[in-house]
Every structure is written in structure tokens, then in C-alpha cells.
Amino acid sequence: MEAVFYITAKVISIFLSAVSFAMLVRVILQLVSMLTSFNAEENKFYIFCFAITEIFVTPIRYLCERFNLFTNTPIDAPFFIAYLLISILQSFLPII
């Protein structure tokens, strides 16, 4: 039974690592797009990273809009909150 919990925790940890990496790639591609003539929205890898990460960002974005949080900030705060929550969850997984 302990092996099942260990394997499940490892699989979830690997999945969350992949999502964190996709979030990092998404931010880097957006920055490159802003600084150069590279169009990130037409890049298939960016679209893939966007599709994976937006699943985690959308609920937090909805909550922030519902409570009028971070409405006038120039940064995408729900994105960073989602990244922070994924990192926290990932750090607690080995404890379980």
C-alpha cells in the first residue's frame, strides 16, 4: 500500500514539474515576443504551453476578477499565484 502512495506522489510531482516548466517556457516566449519580432501566439510550442498552463491559471484568474484583486496591475498576478501554488503543492508532496 505504501508503494502505491509513493508512486502516486511521484507521478503527481513529475506532472507538476512539467506544468511548472511549461509556465516558465510560456513566460520566456512572451518576453522574447515582446522584445523581438517573434510572434509567440503563432508558435505551436507556445500554444501547447498556453493550453496546458491556462487550465491552472483560469480558476485563479476568475477568483481574482470576482473579488476585484489585481485589476489595475501591469503584471499577470493570477499567473504568478498559480505558479506559486503549484510550487507549494509540489514541495509538500514528498512529505505525504
PDB file of N, CA and C in Angstrom:
ATOM      1  N   MET A   1       0.818  -1.203   0.000  1.00  0.00           N
ATOM      2  CA  MET A   1       0.000   0.000   0.000  1.00  0.00           C
ATOM      3  C   MET A   1       0.856   1.258   0.000  1.00  0.00           C
ATOM      4  N   GLU A   2       1.973   1.225   0.726  1.00  0.00           N
ATOM      5  CA  GLU A   2       2.868   2.370   0.767  1.00  0.00           C
ATOM      6  C   GLU A   2       3.477   2.636  -0.603  1.00  0.00           C
ATOM      7  N   ALA A   3       3.721   1.579  -1.351  1.00  0.00           N
ATOM      8  CA  ALA A   3       4.303   1.744  -2.680  1.00  0.00           C
ATOM      9  C   ALA A   3       3.335   2.467  -3.614  1.00  0.00           C
ATOM     10  N   VAL A   4       2.046   2.201  -3.467  1.00  0.00           N
ATOM     11  CA  VAL A   4       1.043   2.870  -4.299  1.00  0.00           C
ATOM     12  C   VAL A   4       1.037   4.367  -4.014  1.00  0.00           C
ATOM     13  N   PHE A   5       1.088   4.730  -2.724  1.00  0.00           N
ATOM     14  CA  PHE A   5       1.129   6.152  -2.366  1.00  0.00           C
ATOM     15  C   PHE A   5       2.404   6.812  -2.867  1.00  0.00           C
ATOM     16  N   TYR A   6       3.515   6.110  -2.762  1.00  0.00           N
ATOM     17  CA  TYR A   6       4.792   6.653  -3.226  1.00  0.00           C
ATOM     18  C   TYR A   6       4.775   6.882  -4.731  1.00  0.00           C
ATOM     19  N   ILE A   7       4.291   5.902  -5.477  1.00  0.00           N
ATOM     20  CA  ILE A   7       4.240   6.033  -6.941  1.00  0.00           C
ATOM     21  C   ILE A   7       3.276   7.138  -7.349  1.00  0.00           C
ATOM     22  N   THR A   8       2.131   7.230  -6.679  1.00  0.00           N
ATOM     23  CA  THR A   8       1.162   8.280  -6.979  1.00  0.00           C
ATOM     24  C   THR A   8       1.749   9.658  -6.707  1.00  0.00           C
ATOM     25  N   ALA A   9       2.432   9.806  -5.583  1.00  0.00           N
ATOM     26  CA  ALA A   9       3.065  11.086  -5.253  1.00  0.00           C
ATOM     27  C   ALA A   9       4.139  11.441  -6.267  1.00  0.00           C
ATOM     28  N   LYS A  10       4.912  10.475  -6.709  1.00  0.00           N
ATOM     29  CA  LYS A  10       5.959  10.737  -7.702  1.00  0.00           C
ATOM     30  C   LYS A  10       5.359  11.137  -9.046  1.00  0.00           C
ATOM     31  N   VAL A  11       4.300  10.464  -9.465  1.00  0.00           N
ATOM     32  CA  VAL A  11       3.656  10.797 -10.737  1.00  0.00           C
ATOM     33  C   VAL A  11       3.081  12.212 -10.686  1.00  0.00           C
ATOM     34  N   ILE A  12       2.436  12.551  -9.590  1.00  0.00           N
ATOM     35  CA  ILE A  12       1.882  13.905  -9.436  1.00  0.00           C
ATOM     36  C   ILE A  12       3.004  14.930  -9.403  1.00  0.00           C
ATOM     37  N   SER A  13       4.097  14.608  -8.734  1.00  0.00           N
ATOM     38  CA  SER A  13       5.239  15.512  -8.669  1.00  0.00           C
ATOM     39  C   SER A  13       5.851  15.748 -10.044  1.00  0.00           C
ATOM     40  N   ILE A  14       5.976  14.704 -10.823  1.00  0.00           N
ATOM     41  CA  ILE A  14       6.513  14.844 -12.184  1.00  0.00           C
ATOM     42  C   ILE A  14       5.567  15.664 -13.048  1.00  0.00           C
ATOM     43  N   PHE A  15       4.278  15.428 -12.914  1.00  0.00           N
ATOM     44  CA  PHE A  15       3.295  16.208 -13.667  1.00  0.00           C
ATOM     45  C   PHE A  15       3.369  17.685 -13.300  1.00  0.00           C
ATOM     46  N   LEU A  16       3.455  17.979 -12.004  1.00  0.00           N
ATOM     47  CA  LEU A  16       3.543  19.377 -11.578  1.00  0.00           C
ATOM     48  C   LEU A  16       4.854  20.019 -12.018  1.00  0.00           C
ATOM     49  N   SER A  17       5.918  19.247 -12.076  1.00  0.00           N
ATOM     50  CA  SER A  17       7.186  19.763 -12.595  1.00  0.00           C
ATOM     51  C   SER A  17       7.056  20.126 -14.070  1.00  0.00           C
ATOM     52  N   ALA A  18       6.367  19.291 -14.818  1.00  0.00           N
ATOM     53  CA  ALA A  18       6.151  19.579 -16.239  1.00  0.00           C
ATOM     54  C   ALA A  18       5.300  20.831 -16.423  1.00  0.00           C
ATOM     55  N   VAL A  19       4.290  21.007 -15.598  1.00  0.00           N
ATOM     56  CA  VAL A  19       3.446  22.201 -15.683  1.00  0.00           C
ATOM     57  C   VAL A  19       4.251  23.441 -15.304  1.00  0.00           C
ATOM     58  N   SER A  20       5.079  23.348 -14.279  1.00  0.00           N
ATOM     59  CA  SER A  20       5.933  24.476 -13.891  1.00  0.00           C
ATOM     60  C   SER A  20       6.889  24.841 -15.010  1.00  0.00           C
ATOM     61  N   PHE A  21       7.457  23.841 -15.656  1.00  0.00           N
ATOM     62  CA  PHE A  21       8.360  24.093 -16.778  1.00  0.00           C
ATOM     63  C   PHE A  21       7.609  24.746 -17.938  1.00  0.00           C
ATOM     64  N   ALA A  22       6.394  24.281 -18.214  1.00  0.00           N
ATOM     65  CA  ALA A  22       5.596  24.878 -19.286  1.00  0.00           C
ATOM     66  C   ALA A  22       5.257  26.338 -18.968  1.00  0.00           C
ATOM     67  N   MET A  23       5.016  26.643 -17.696  1.00  0.00           N
ATOM     68  CA  MET A  23       4.745  28.022 -17.303  1.00  0.00           C
ATOM     69  C   MET A  23       5.980  28.887 -17.514  1.00  0.00           C
ATOM     70  N   LEU A  24       7.141  28.361 -17.171  1.00  0.00           N
ATOM     71  CA  LEU A  24       8.385  29.095 -17.374  1.00  0.00           C
ATOM     72  C   LEU A  24       8.639  29.336 -18.859  1.00  0.00           C
ATOM     73  N   VAL A  25       8.436  28.330 -19.678  1.00  0.00           N
ATOM     74  CA  VAL A  25       8.624  28.472 -21.124  1.00  0.00           C
ATOM     75  C   VAL A  25       7.639  29.488 -21.687  1.00  0.00           C
ATOM     76  N   ARG A  26       6.425  29.467 -21.203  1.00  0.00           N
ATOM     77  CA  ARG A  26       5.408  30.422 -21.667  1.00  0.00           C
ATOM     78  C   ARG A  26       5.835  31.858 -21.377  1.00  0.00           C
ATOM     79  N   VAL A  27       6.354  32.101 -20.181  1.00  0.00           N
ATOM     80  CA  VAL A  27       6.800  33.449 -19.827  1.00  0.00           C
ATOM     81  C   VAL A  27       7.991  33.863 -20.679  1.00  0.00           C
ATOM     82  N   ILE A  28       8.933  32.962 -20.874  1.00  0.00           N
ATOM     83  CA  ILE A  28      10.112  33.296 -21.673  1.00  0.00           C
ATOM     84  C   ILE A  28       9.726  33.593 -23.116  1.00  0.00           C
ATOM     85  N   LEU A  29       8.834  32.797 -23.688  1.00  0.00           N
ATOM     86  CA  LEU A  29       8.406  33.054 -25.065  1.00  0.00           C
ATOM     87  C   LEU A  29       7.637  34.362 -25.180  1.00  0.00           C
ATOM     88  N   GLN A  30       6.867  34.725 -24.168  1.00  0.00           N
ATOM     89  CA  GLN A  30       6.174  36.010 -24.191  1.00  0.00           C
ATOM     90  C   GLN A  30       7.165  37.160 -24.114  1.00  0.00           C
ATOM     91  N   LEU A  31       8.203  37.015 -23.289  1.00  0.00           N
ATOM     92  CA  LEU A  31       9.215  38.064 -23.199  1.00  0.00           C
ATOM     93  C   LEU A  31       9.981  38.209 -24.506  1.00  0.00           C
ATOM     94  N   VAL A  32      10.333  37.090 -25.106  1.00  0.00           N
ATOM     95  CA  VAL A  32      11.026  37.137 -26.399  1.00  0.00           C
ATOM     96  C   VAL A  32      10.129  37.785 -27.442  1.00  0.00           C
ATOM     97  N   SER A  33       8.850  37.501 -27.386  1.00  0.00           N
ATOM     98  CA  SER A  33       7.898  38.081 -28.324  1.00  0.00           C
ATOM     99  C   SER A  33       7.800  39.591 -28.144  1.00  0.00           C
ATOM    100  N   MET A  34       7.865  40.062 -26.897  1.00  0.00           N
ATOM    101  CA  MET A  34       7.781  41.499 -26.648  1.00  0.00           C
ATOM    102  C   MET A  34       9.054  42.226 -27.076  1.00  0.00           C
ATOM    103  N   LEU A  35      10.204  41.581 -26.969  1.00  0.00           N
ATOM    104  CA  LEU A  35      11.476  42.239 -27.243  1.00  0.00           C
ATOM    105  C   LEU A  35      11.929  42.124 -28.697  1.00  0.00           C
ATOM    106  N   THR A  36      11.387  41.168 -29.427  1.00  0.00           N
ATOM    107  CA  THR A  36      11.797  40.959 -30.818  1.00  0.00           C
ATOM    108  C   THR A  36      10.564  40.924 -31.711  1.00  0.00           C
ATOM    109  N   SER A  37      10.786  40.588 -32.955  1.00  0.00           N
ATOM    110  CA  SER A  37       9.666  40.484 -33.892  1.00  0.00           C
ATOM    111  C   SER A  37       9.041  39.084 -33.895  1.00  0.00           C
ATOM    112  N   PHE A  38       9.469  38.219 -32.984  1.00  0.00           N
ATOM    113  CA  PHE A  38       8.943  36.860 -32.857  1.00  0.00           C
ATOM    114  C   PHE A  38       7.494  36.926 -32.393  1.00  0.00           C
ATOM    115  N   ASN A  39       6.610  36.225 -33.093  1.00  0.00           N
ATOM    116  CA  ASN A  39       5.200  36.204 -32.730  1.00  0.00           C
ATOM    117  C   ASN A  39       4.893  34.903 -31.999  1.00  0.00           C
ATOM    118  N   ALA A  40       4.742  35.002 -30.676  1.00  0.00           N
ATOM    119  CA  ALA A  40       4.550  33.810 -29.854  1.00  0.00           C
ATOM    120  C   ALA A  40       3.185  33.178 -30.070  1.00  0.00           C
ATOM    121  N   GLU A  41       2.168  33.978 -30.355  1.00  0.00           N
ATOM    122  CA  GLU A  41       0.816  33.438 -30.487  1.00  0.00           C
ATOM    123  C   GLU A  41       0.667  32.496 -31.683  1.00  0.00           C
ATOM    124  N   GLU A  42       1.576  32.573 -32.645  1.00  0.00           N
ATOM    125  CA  GLU A  42       1.516  31.686 -33.811  1.00  0.00           C
ATOM    126  C   GLU A  42       2.428  30.466 -33.662  1.00  0.00           C
ATOM    127  N   ASN A  43       3.231  30.428 -32.608  1.00  0.00           N
ATOM    128  CA  ASN A  43       4.147  29.332 -32.387  1.00  0.00           C
ATOM    129  C   ASN A  43       3.385  28.155 -31.773  1.00  0.00           C
ATOM    130  N   LYS A  44       3.527  26.977 -32.346  1.00  0.00           N
ATOM    131  CA  LYS A  44       2.790  25.800 -31.869  1.00  0.00           C
ATOM    132  C   LYS A  44       3.238  25.365 -30.477  1.00  0.00           C
ATOM    133  N   PHE A  45       4.516  25.518 -30.167  1.00  0.00           N
ATOM    134  CA  PHE A  45       5.003  25.163 -28.841  1.00  0.00           C
ATOM    135  C   PHE A  45       4.426  26.104 -27.790  1.00  0.00           C
ATOM    136  N   TYR A  46       4.326  27.390 -28.116  1.00  0.00           N
ATOM    137  CA  TYR A  46       3.703  28.350 -27.204  1.00  0.00           C
ATOM    138  C   TYR A  46       2.230  28.026 -26.996  1.00  0.00           C
ATOM    139  N   ILE A  47       1.544  27.677 -28.065  1.00  0.00           N
ATOM    140  CA  ILE A  47       0.121  27.329 -27.962  1.00  0.00           C
ATOM    141  C   ILE A  47      -0.053  26.092 -27.076  1.00  0.00           C
ATOM    142  N   PHE A  48       0.834  25.126 -27.204  1.00  0.00           N
ATOM    143  CA  PHE A  48       0.789  23.930 -26.363  1.00  0.00           C
ATOM    144  C   PHE A  48       1.008  24.287 -24.893  1.00  0.00           C
ATOM    145  N   CYS A  49       2.032  25.096 -24.614  1.00  0.00           N
ATOM    146  CA  CYS A  49       2.305  25.529 -23.234  1.00  0.00           C
ATOM    147  C   CYS A  49       1.150  26.356 -22.685  1.00  0.00           C
ATOM    148  N   PHE A  50       0.565  27.200 -23.520  1.00  0.00           N
ATOM    149  CA  PHE A  50      -0.572  28.011 -23.099  1.00  0.00           C
ATOM    150  C   PHE A  50      -1.756  27.121 -22.734  1.00  0.00           C
ATOM    151  N   ALA A  51      -2.022  26.114 -23.553  1.00  0.00           N
ATOM    152  CA  ALA A  51      -3.157  25.226 -23.296  1.00  0.00           C
ATOM    153  C   ALA A  51      -2.981  24.441 -21.997  1.00  0.00           C
ATOM    154  N   ILE A  52      -1.759  24.010 -21.722  1.00  0.00           N
ATOM    155  CA  ILE A  52      -1.511  23.244 -20.504  1.00  0.00           C
ATOM    156  C   ILE A  52      -1.590  24.132 -19.270  1.00  0.00           C
ATOM    157  N   THR A  53      -0.992  25.300 -19.331  1.00  0.00           N
ATOM    158  CA  THR A  53      -0.905  26.147 -18.139  1.00  0.00           C
ATOM    159  C   THR A  53      -2.186  26.919 -17.860  1.00  0.00           C
ATOM    160  N   GLU A  54      -2.944  27.221 -18.872  1.00  0.00           N
ATOM    161  CA  GLU A  54      -4.153  28.023 -18.663  1.00  0.00           C
ATOM    162  C   GLU A  54      -5.200  27.265 -17.853  1.00  0.00           C
ATOM    163  N   ILE A  55      -5.133  25.950 -17.847  1.00  0.00           N
ATOM    164  CA  ILE A  55      -6.038  25.138 -17.034  1.00  0.00           C
ATOM    165  C   ILE A  55      -5.852  25.459 -15.548  1.00  0.00           C
ATOM    166  N   PHE A  56      -4.625  25.757 -15.150  1.00  0.00           N
ATOM    167  CA  PHE A  56      -4.332  26.067 -13.756  1.00  0.00           C
ATOM    168  C   PHE A  56      -4.511  27.546 -13.438  1.00  0.00           C
ATOM    169  N   VAL A  57      -4.353  28.398 -14.431  1.00  0.00           N
ATOM    170  CA  VAL A  57      -4.412  29.844 -14.205  1.00  0.00           C
ATOM    171  C   VAL A  57      -5.850  30.356 -14.225  1.00  0.00           C
ATOM    172  N   THR A  58      -6.711  29.786 -15.029  1.00  0.00           N
ATOM    173  CA  THR A  58      -8.076  30.280 -15.194  1.00  0.00           C
ATOM    174  C   THR A  58      -8.883  30.322 -13.897  1.00  0.00           C
ATOM    175  N   PRO A  59      -8.866  29.292 -13.050  1.00  0.00           N
ATOM    176  CA  PRO A  59      -9.642  29.408 -11.800  1.00  0.00           C
ATOM    177  C   PRO A  59      -9.146  30.530 -10.891  1.00  0.00           C
ATOM    178  N   ILE A  60      -7.842  30.730 -10.845  1.00  0.00           N
ATOM    179  CA  ILE A  60      -7.296  31.804 -10.008  1.00  0.00           C
ATOM    180  C   ILE A  60      -7.618  33.155 -10.618  1.00  0.00           C
ATOM    181  N   ARG A  61      -7.575  33.244 -11.932  1.00  0.00           N
ATOM    182  CA  ARG A  61      -7.940  34.489 -12.606  1.00  0.00           C
ATOM    183  C   ARG A  61      -9.416  34.824 -12.354  1.00  0.00           C
ATOM    184  N   TYR A  62     -10.253  33.799 -12.376  1.00  0.00           N
ATOM    185  CA  TYR A  62     -11.680  34.006 -12.097  1.00  0.00           C
ATOM    186  C   TYR A  62     -11.889  34.524 -10.677  1.00  0.00           C
ATOM    187  N   LEU A  63     -11.205  33.916  -9.695  1.00  0.00           N
ATOM    188  CA  LEU A  63     -11.338  34.366  -8.310  1.00  0.00           C
ATOM    189  C   LEU A  63     -10.834  35.798  -8.126  1.00  0.00           C
ATOM    190  N   CYS A  64      -9.742  36.126  -8.766  1.00  0.00           N
ATOM    191  CA  CYS A  64      -9.208  37.486  -8.651  1.00  0.00           C
ATOM    192  C   CYS A  64     -10.163  38.500  -9.273  1.00  0.00           C
ATOM    193  N   GLU A  65     -10.781  38.157 -10.388  1.00  0.00           N
ATOM    194  CA  GLU A  65     -11.751  39.062 -11.008  1.00  0.00           C
ATOM    195  C   GLU A  65     -13.014  39.179 -10.161  1.00  0.00           C
ATOM    196  N   ARG A  66     -13.420  38.088  -9.554  1.00  0.00           N
ATOM    197  CA  ARG A  66     -14.635  38.092  -8.733  1.00  0.00           C
ATOM    198  C   ARG A  66     -14.483  38.985  -7.504  1.00  0.00           C
ATOM    199  N   PHE A  67     -13.291  38.993  -6.911  1.00  0.00           N
ATOM    200  CA  PHE A  67     -13.045  39.805  -5.720  1.00  0.00           C
ATOM    201  C   PHE A  67     -12.325  41.115  -6.036  1.00  0.00           C
ATOM    202  N   ASN A  68     -12.227  41.458  -7.319  1.00  0.00           N
ATOM    203  CA  ASN A  68     -11.582  42.697  -7.780  1.00  0.00           C
ATOM    204  C   ASN A  68     -10.152  42.841  -7.268  1.00  0.00           C
ATOM    205  N   LEU A  69      -9.397  41.775  -7.324  1.00  0.00           N
ATOM    206  CA  LEU A  69      -8.000  41.800  -6.926  1.00  0.00           C
ATOM    207  C   LEU A  69      -7.118  41.955  -8.154  1.00  0.00           C
ATOM    208  N   PHE A  70      -6.094  42.751  -8.046  1.00  0.00           N
ATOM    209  CA  PHE A  70      -5.079  42.922  -9.090  1.00  0.00           C
ATOM    210  C   PHE A  70      -5.668  43.418 -10.401  1.00  0.00           C
ATOM    211  N   THR A  71      -6.695  44.260 -10.344  1.00  0.00           N
ATOM    212  CA  THR A  71      -7.337  44.716 -11.580  1.00  0.00           C
ATOM    213  C   THR A  71      -6.500  45.747 -12.322  1.00  0.00           C
ATOM    214  N   ASN A  72      -5.763  46.585 -11.619  1.00  0.00           N
ATOM    215  CA  ASN A  72      -5.007  47.656 -12.276  1.00  0.00           C
ATOM    216  C   ASN A  72      -3.504  47.422 -12.248  1.00  0.00           C
ATOM    217  N   THR A  73      -3.084  46.190 -12.117  1.00  0.00           N
ATOM    218  CA  THR A  73      -1.655  45.917 -12.096  1.00  0.00           C
ATOM    219  C   THR A  73      -1.172  45.571 -13.501  1.00  0.00           C
ATOM    220  N   PRO A  74       0.053  45.959 -13.828  1.00  0.00           N
ATOM    221  CA  PRO A  74       0.564  45.677 -15.177  1.00  0.00           C
ATOM    222  C   PRO A  74       1.032  44.237 -15.366  1.00  0.00           C
ATOM    223  N   ILE A  75       1.135  43.469 -14.287  1.00  0.00           N
ATOM    224  CA  ILE A  75       1.585  42.083 -14.410  1.00  0.00           C
ATOM    225  C   ILE A  75       0.391  41.145 -14.305  1.00  0.00           C
ATOM    226  N   ASP A  76       0.595  39.941 -14.757  1.00  0.00           N
ATOM    227  CA  ASP A  76      -0.451  38.922 -14.682  1.00  0.00           C
ATOM    228  C   ASP A  76      -0.326  38.198 -13.342  1.00  0.00           C
ATOM    229  N   ALA A  77      -0.867  38.803 -12.294  1.00  0.00           N
ATOM    230  CA  ALA A  77      -0.737  38.268 -10.938  1.00  0.00           C
ATOM    231  C   ALA A  77      -1.350  36.873 -10.787  1.00  0.00           C
ATOM    232  N   PRO A  78      -2.518  36.580 -11.363  1.00  0.00           N
ATOM    233  CA  PRO A  78      -3.047  35.209 -11.223  1.00  0.00           C
ATOM    234  C   PRO A  78      -2.104  34.142 -11.778  1.00  0.00           C
ATOM    235  N   PHE A  79      -1.358  34.482 -12.806  1.00  0.00           N
ATOM    236  CA  PHE A  79      -0.381  33.540 -13.359  1.00  0.00           C
ATOM    237  C   PHE A  79       0.694  33.229 -12.325  1.00  0.00           C
ATOM    238  N   PHE A  80       1.212  34.257 -11.684  1.00  0.00           N
ATOM    239  CA  PHE A  80       2.249  34.050 -10.682  1.00  0.00           C
ATOM    240  C   PHE A  80       1.708  33.376  -9.423  1.00  0.00           C
ATOM    241  N   ILE A  81       0.463  33.652  -9.063  1.00  0.00           N
ATOM    242  CA  ILE A  81      -0.154  32.971  -7.924  1.00  0.00           C
ATOM    243  C   ILE A  81      -0.316  31.484  -8.235  1.00  0.00           C
ATOM    244  N   ALA A  82      -0.723  31.160  -9.457  1.00  0.00           N
ATOM    245  CA  ALA A  82      -0.853  29.756  -9.851  1.00  0.00           C
ATOM    246  C   ALA A  82       0.502  29.054  -9.802  1.00  0.00           C
ATOM    247  N   TYR A  83       1.535  29.735 -10.280  1.00  0.00           N
ATOM    248  CA  TYR A  83       2.878  29.149 -10.234  1.00  0.00           C
ATOM    249  C   TYR A  83       3.314  28.921  -8.792  1.00  0.00           C
ATOM    250  N   LEU A  84       3.027  29.886  -7.921  1.00  0.00           N
ATOM    251  CA  LEU A  84       3.378  29.753  -6.520  1.00  0.00           C
ATOM    252  C   LEU A  84       2.625  28.598  -5.861  1.00  0.00           C
ATOM    253  N   LEU A  85       1.336  28.465  -6.142  1.00  0.00           N
ATOM    254  CA  LEU A  85       0.553  27.373  -5.566  1.00  0.00           C
ATOM    255  C   LEU A  85       1.031  26.005  -6.057  1.00  0.00           C
ATOM    256  N   ILE A  86       1.382  25.920  -7.323  1.00  0.00           N
ATOM    257  CA  ILE A  86       1.910  24.653  -7.856  1.00  0.00           C
ATOM    258  C   ILE A  86       3.232  24.314  -7.180  1.00  0.00           C
ATOM    259  N   SER A  87       4.080  25.310  -6.979  1.00  0.00           N
ATOM    260  CA  SER A  87       5.362  25.076  -6.313  1.00  0.00           C
ATOM    261  C   SER A  87       5.179  24.644  -4.869  1.00  0.00           C
ATOM    262  N   ILE A  88       4.248  25.266  -4.171  1.00  0.00           N
ATOM    263  CA  ILE A  88       3.968  24.884  -2.784  1.00  0.00           C
ATOM    264  C   ILE A  88       3.438  23.465  -2.717  1.00  0.00           C
ATOM    265  N   LEU A  89       2.488  23.144  -3.588  1.00  0.00           N
ATOM    266  CA  LEU A  89       1.939  21.789  -3.618  1.00  0.00           C
ATOM    267  C   LEU A  89       3.015  20.766  -3.925  1.00  0.00           C
ATOM    268  N   GLN A  90       3.882  21.104  -4.843  1.00  0.00           N
ATOM    269  CA  GLN A  90       4.961  20.200  -5.208  1.00  0.00           C
ATOM    270  C   GLN A  90       5.957  19.996  -4.060  1.00  0.00           C
ATOM    271  N   SER A  91       6.158  21.033  -3.276  1.00  0.00           N
ATOM    272  CA  SER A  91       7.086  20.883  -2.149  1.00  0.00           C
ATOM    273  C   SER A  91       6.483  20.050  -1.020  1.00  0.00           C
ATOM    274  N   PHE A  92       5.151  20.017  -0.896  1.00  0.00           N
ATOM    275  CA  PHE A  92       4.513  19.220   0.139  1.00  0.00           C
ATOM    276  C   PHE A  92       4.315  17.763  -0.258  1.00  0.00           C
ATOM    277  N   LEU A  93       4.425  17.441  -1.516  1.00  0.00           N
ATOM    278  CA  LEU A  93       4.180  16.061  -1.950  1.00  0.00           C
ATOM    279  C   LEU A  93       5.135  15.039  -1.333  1.00  0.00           C
ATOM    280  N   PRO A  94       6.430  15.291  -1.240  1.00  0.00           N
ATOM    281  CA  PRO A  94       7.292  14.264  -0.640  1.00  0.00           C
ATOM    282  C   PRO A  94       6.987  13.987   0.829  1.00  0.00           C
ATOM    283  N   ILE A  95       6.325  14.928   1.511  1.00  0.00           N
ATOM    284  CA  ILE A  95       6.008  14.743   2.924  1.00  0.00           C
ATOM    285  C   ILE A  95       4.903  13.716   3.095  1.00  0.00           C
ATOM    286  N   ILE A  96       3.987  13.667   2.133  1.00  0.00           N
ATOM    287  CA  ILE A  96       2.828  12.779   2.237  1.00  0.00           C
ATOM    288  C   ILE A  96       3.257  11.322   2.224  1.00  0.00           C
TER     289      ILE A  96
END
